[in-house]
Structure formats: structure tokens, C-alpha cells
Amino acid sequence: MVPAMTPHTKKLIGTILILLWLVVYALIVTGLAVRILPHASWYVSLLFYAVTGVCWIIPIGMALPWMYREPGR
């Protein structure tokens, strides 16, 4: 049986994964923006930045409860 991770280990792993996610997400969104937005109208650009500006938080919102959950739950 595998022992439960300590809270410090979970926070360390979660922090590293969040930082990696932010870098990867920024690169993906930047690549999409370069291809989509140069010839797009202002409202498409606004929608793109509104959606991508909010979507980065979804995976982080799922990781934070895991990081702060007490062992044994």
C-alpha cells in the first residue's frame, strides 16, 4: 500500500504543475493569437482574449482543492 503524500509534498507538486501549466497555456494561446487575430475584427479579438483570459484558471481551480485536501480524505 502506498502511503499518503504529506501536505507539503502535495503543495510542491501542485505549485510546479501550475507553473508548467501557465507556461504551456501561454505558449498555446500566443500561437493561436498569431494565427487567428491578425485579420480578425475587433469583436473576435475581444471574444478571444475574454475566453482565453478566463480559461487558464479552470485546471488550477481543480488542482487547488487537491493541494489543500487533508490526508486520508
N, C-alpha and C. Protein backbone atom coordinates (compact mmCIF):
# COMPACT_ATOMS: atom_id res chain seq x y z
N MET A 1 0.84 -1.18 0.00
CA MET A 1 0.00 0.00 0.00
C MET A 1 0.89 1.25 0.00
N VAL A 2 0.52 2.21 -0.82
CA VAL A 2 1.30 3.43 -0.96
C VAL A 2 0.89 4.42 0.13
N PRO A 3 1.85 4.97 0.87
CA PRO A 3 1.49 5.94 1.91
C PRO A 3 0.98 7.24 1.28
N ALA A 4 0.12 7.92 2.00
CA ALA A 4 -0.42 9.20 1.53
C ALA A 4 0.68 10.25 1.47
N MET A 5 0.52 11.16 0.53
CA MET A 5 1.50 12.24 0.43
C MET A 5 1.31 13.24 1.57
N THR A 6 2.40 13.82 1.99
CA THR A 6 2.30 14.85 3.02
C THR A 6 1.74 16.12 2.38
N PRO A 7 1.16 17.00 3.19
CA PRO A 7 0.63 18.25 2.63
C PRO A 7 1.71 19.09 1.93
N HIS A 8 2.92 19.06 2.45
CA HIS A 8 3.99 19.84 1.84
C HIS A 8 4.34 19.29 0.45
N THR A 9 4.36 17.98 0.32
CA THR A 9 4.67 17.37 -0.97
C THR A 9 3.59 17.68 -1.99
N LYS A 10 2.33 17.60 -1.57
CA LYS A 10 1.23 17.92 -2.48
C LYS A 10 1.29 19.36 -2.93
N LYS A 11 1.61 20.27 -2.04
CA LYS A 11 1.70 21.69 -2.40
C LYS A 11 2.87 21.94 -3.34
N LEU A 12 3.98 21.26 -3.12
CA LEU A 12 5.13 21.41 -4.00
C LEU A 12 4.81 20.90 -5.40
N ILE A 13 4.24 19.71 -5.48
CA ILE A 13 3.88 19.14 -6.78
C ILE A 13 2.85 20.03 -7.47
N GLY A 14 1.84 20.46 -6.74
CA GLY A 14 0.81 21.33 -7.32
C GLY A 14 1.37 22.65 -7.82
N THR A 15 2.27 23.25 -7.07
CA THR A 15 2.88 24.52 -7.48
C THR A 15 3.69 24.35 -8.76
N ILE A 16 4.47 23.30 -8.84
CA ILE A 16 5.27 23.03 -10.04
C ILE A 16 4.36 22.80 -11.24
N LEU A 17 3.31 22.01 -11.06
CA LEU A 17 2.38 21.75 -12.16
C LEU A 17 1.65 23.01 -12.60
N ILE A 18 1.28 23.87 -11.66
CA ILE A 18 0.61 25.12 -12.02
C ILE A 18 1.55 26.01 -12.83
N LEU A 19 2.79 26.12 -12.41
CA LEU A 19 3.74 26.95 -13.15
C LEU A 19 3.98 26.40 -14.56
N LEU A 20 4.11 25.09 -14.68
CA LEU A 20 4.27 24.48 -16.00
C LEU A 20 3.03 24.71 -16.85
N TRP A 21 1.85 24.54 -16.26
CA TRP A 21 0.61 24.76 -16.99
C TRP A 21 0.52 26.18 -17.52
N LEU A 22 0.88 27.17 -16.71
CA LEU A 22 0.80 28.56 -17.15
C LEU A 22 1.72 28.84 -18.33
N VAL A 23 2.92 28.28 -18.30
CA VAL A 23 3.85 28.47 -19.42
C VAL A 23 3.31 27.82 -20.69
N VAL A 24 2.86 26.58 -20.58
CA VAL A 24 2.34 25.87 -21.74
C VAL A 24 1.09 26.56 -22.28
N TYR A 25 0.20 26.97 -21.39
CA TYR A 25 -1.03 27.64 -21.82
C TYR A 25 -0.72 28.96 -22.52
N ALA A 26 0.22 29.72 -21.97
CA ALA A 26 0.59 31.00 -22.60
C ALA A 26 1.16 30.78 -23.99
N LEU A 27 1.97 29.75 -24.16
CA LEU A 27 2.53 29.46 -25.48
C LEU A 27 1.45 29.03 -26.47
N ILE A 28 0.52 28.22 -26.03
CA ILE A 28 -0.57 27.78 -26.90
C ILE A 28 -1.44 28.96 -27.31
N VAL A 29 -1.83 29.79 -26.35
CA VAL A 29 -2.69 30.94 -26.64
C VAL A 29 -1.97 31.94 -27.54
N THR A 30 -0.70 32.16 -27.30
CA THR A 30 0.05 33.07 -28.15
C THR A 30 0.12 32.53 -29.57
N GLY A 31 0.36 31.24 -29.73
CA GLY A 31 0.39 30.64 -31.06
C GLY A 31 -0.94 30.77 -31.76
N LEU A 32 -2.02 30.55 -31.04
CA LEU A 32 -3.35 30.72 -31.63
C LEU A 32 -3.61 32.18 -32.00
N ALA A 33 -3.24 33.09 -31.14
CA ALA A 33 -3.48 34.51 -31.40
C ALA A 33 -2.75 34.98 -32.65
N VAL A 34 -1.54 34.51 -32.84
CA VAL A 34 -0.76 34.91 -34.01
C VAL A 34 -1.43 34.42 -35.30
N ARG A 35 -2.07 33.27 -35.23
CA ARG A 35 -2.72 32.71 -36.43
C ARG A 35 -4.13 33.25 -36.65
N ILE A 36 -4.85 33.54 -35.58
CA ILE A 36 -6.26 33.90 -35.69
C ILE A 36 -6.47 35.41 -35.76
N LEU A 37 -5.80 36.17 -34.95
CA LEU A 37 -6.15 37.56 -34.73
C LEU A 37 -5.64 38.59 -35.74
N PRO A 38 -4.60 38.35 -36.51
CA PRO A 38 -4.15 39.42 -37.40
C PRO A 38 -5.21 39.94 -38.37
N HIS A 39 -6.08 39.09 -38.84
CA HIS A 39 -7.09 39.52 -39.80
C HIS A 39 -8.49 39.50 -39.21
N ALA A 40 -8.59 39.36 -37.91
CA ALA A 40 -9.89 39.27 -37.26
C ALA A 40 -10.42 40.67 -36.92
N SER A 41 -11.73 40.75 -36.81
CA SER A 41 -12.34 42.02 -36.42
C SER A 41 -12.16 42.23 -34.91
N TRP A 42 -12.49 43.42 -34.46
CA TRP A 42 -12.27 43.76 -33.06
C TRP A 42 -13.08 42.91 -32.12
N TYR A 43 -14.29 42.54 -32.49
CA TYR A 43 -15.12 41.75 -31.58
C TYR A 43 -14.64 40.30 -31.48
N VAL A 44 -14.03 39.78 -32.54
CA VAL A 44 -13.44 38.44 -32.45
C VAL A 44 -12.22 38.47 -31.53
N SER A 45 -11.43 39.52 -31.66
CA SER A 45 -10.27 39.68 -30.76
C SER A 45 -10.72 39.82 -29.31
N LEU A 46 -11.75 40.61 -29.08
CA LEU A 46 -12.27 40.78 -27.73
C LEU A 46 -12.76 39.46 -27.16
N LEU A 47 -13.50 38.71 -27.95
CA LEU A 47 -14.01 37.41 -27.51
C LEU A 47 -12.86 36.44 -27.24
N PHE A 48 -11.86 36.43 -28.13
CA PHE A 48 -10.70 35.55 -27.95
C PHE A 48 -9.99 35.85 -26.64
N TYR A 49 -9.70 37.12 -26.39
CA TYR A 49 -8.98 37.47 -25.16
C TYR A 49 -9.83 37.27 -23.92
N ALA A 50 -11.13 37.46 -24.02
CA ALA A 50 -12.01 37.23 -22.87
C ALA A 50 -12.05 35.74 -22.52
N VAL A 51 -12.20 34.90 -23.52
CA VAL A 51 -12.29 33.46 -23.27
C VAL A 51 -10.95 32.90 -22.80
N THR A 52 -9.89 33.22 -23.51
CA THR A 52 -8.58 32.68 -23.12
C THR A 52 -8.06 33.30 -21.83
N GLY A 53 -8.51 34.50 -21.52
CA GLY A 53 -8.10 35.13 -20.28
C GLY A 53 -8.75 34.52 -19.05
N VAL A 54 -9.85 33.79 -19.25
CA VAL A 54 -10.55 33.15 -18.14
C VAL A 54 -10.26 31.66 -18.08
N CYS A 55 -10.04 31.02 -19.22
CA CYS A 55 -9.93 29.56 -19.27
C CYS A 55 -8.67 29.00 -18.59
N TRP A 56 -7.66 29.79 -18.39
CA TRP A 56 -6.45 29.27 -17.76
C TRP A 56 -6.69 28.86 -16.32
N ILE A 57 -7.71 29.44 -15.70
CA ILE A 57 -7.94 29.19 -14.28
C ILE A 57 -8.66 27.87 -14.02
N ILE A 58 -9.32 27.29 -15.03
CA ILE A 58 -10.11 26.07 -14.82
C ILE A 58 -9.25 24.92 -14.28
N PRO A 59 -8.12 24.56 -14.93
CA PRO A 59 -7.31 23.47 -14.36
C PRO A 59 -6.71 23.82 -13.00
N ILE A 60 -6.39 25.08 -12.80
CA ILE A 60 -5.84 25.49 -11.50
C ILE A 60 -6.92 25.38 -10.43
N GLY A 61 -8.14 25.72 -10.78
CA GLY A 61 -9.24 25.59 -9.85
C GLY A 61 -9.51 24.15 -9.45
N MET A 62 -9.18 23.22 -10.32
CA MET A 62 -9.33 21.80 -9.97
C MET A 62 -8.13 21.30 -9.16
N ALA A 63 -6.98 21.90 -9.34
CA ALA A 63 -5.77 21.46 -8.63
C ALA A 63 -5.72 21.98 -7.20
N LEU A 64 -6.21 23.18 -6.96
CA LEU A 64 -6.11 23.76 -5.62
C LEU A 64 -6.81 22.95 -4.54
N PRO A 65 -8.03 22.47 -4.76
CA PRO A 65 -8.64 21.64 -3.70
C PRO A 65 -7.83 20.37 -3.40
N TRP A 66 -7.25 19.77 -4.44
CA TRP A 66 -6.41 18.60 -4.23
C TRP A 66 -5.19 18.96 -3.39
N MET A 67 -4.58 20.12 -3.69
CA MET A 67 -3.38 20.51 -2.97
C MET A 67 -3.65 20.74 -1.49
N TYR A 68 -4.82 21.26 -1.16
CA TYR A 68 -5.11 21.63 0.23
C TYR A 68 -5.99 20.62 0.96
N ARG A 69 -6.32 19.51 0.33
CA ARG A 69 -7.12 18.48 0.98
C ARG A 69 -6.29 17.79 2.05
N GLU A 70 -6.92 17.53 3.15
CA GLU A 70 -6.24 16.85 4.26
C GLU A 70 -5.97 15.41 3.88
N PRO A 71 -4.87 14.83 4.35
CA PRO A 71 -4.58 13.43 4.06
C PRO A 71 -5.67 12.51 4.61
N GLY A 72 -5.94 11.46 3.86
CA GLY A 72 -6.90 10.48 4.30
C GLY A 72 -8.32 10.74 3.82
N ARG A 73 -8.54 11.79 3.05
CA ARG A 73 -9.87 12.09 2.53
C ARG A 73 -9.98 11.67 1.11
